[in-house]
Amino acid sequence: MLLLAFDTSSPAITVALHDGDQVLAEHTVIDARRTGELLAPGIAYVLERTGKAASDLTDIAVGVGPGPFTGLRIGLMTARALADALPVLLRGVCSLDIVAASVVSTAPYLVASDARRREVYWATYDPHGVRIDGPYVNKPADVEWRGPSFGAGAVMYKEVFADAQLPDVPNAELPSAGVLAAMVATGKAAVLPADPLYLRRPDAVEPPARKVVTPA
């Protein structure tokens, strides 16, 4: 197996390469405004660092969100294009599940990410990291949860998520491609179609057709 994994659902443009036993290389840049510029170089970096070529890939895994429209669209379009061109098996994974996979908890917990517009994407998990409910998008105050909370959304709204857990490692509140790759390689991921989980309509919409005015 040579698995390429990446996620663009958050400010982290994160890419990793996994050989079925371990992560061979990982590359992450935090810059939500340059997803289109940074994803391809990240893929090139992990391939070059390991001396591999795209033609060596056997699998691709991609985070499907929930997340902002533009970032998800870039990641999913890239994944689909690569999978079709090579061709290789393509698998999607909920991006909140990726964060949850790094959580250590003896109780059920919530993972939340920043959905912008003062909202969060969120889902709940059992102590084994299995998703119980979600994902959803809500105002933080409308999320009826008082237990342990993880992820960038929980940290951002600590006044609401009183039991928000601060990460011990920088950027651990964001999805990691290395974690995604390991989840898929070990069969621990809840695999989804590689379709984006937007949960709401994009900010940019097509303007309505102009009314044609004819002379009287």
Foldseek 3Di string as FASTA:
>chain_A
DWEWEFEQQAQKGKIWIDDLPATQDIDIDRHNVCLVPPNVVRVVVRCVVVVHDLLPDAEYEYEQEQHADPRNVNRLVVQVVSCVVSPHYYWYFHFQLQLLLPDQDQAKEKAWEDHPVQKIFIFIAGNNSHTDDDGAIDRLQPDPDADEYAAPSCVVPCVSNVNYDDDPDPPSRGGHRRSVVVCVSVVNGPIDPSHHDNNDDHPDDDDDDDDDDDDD
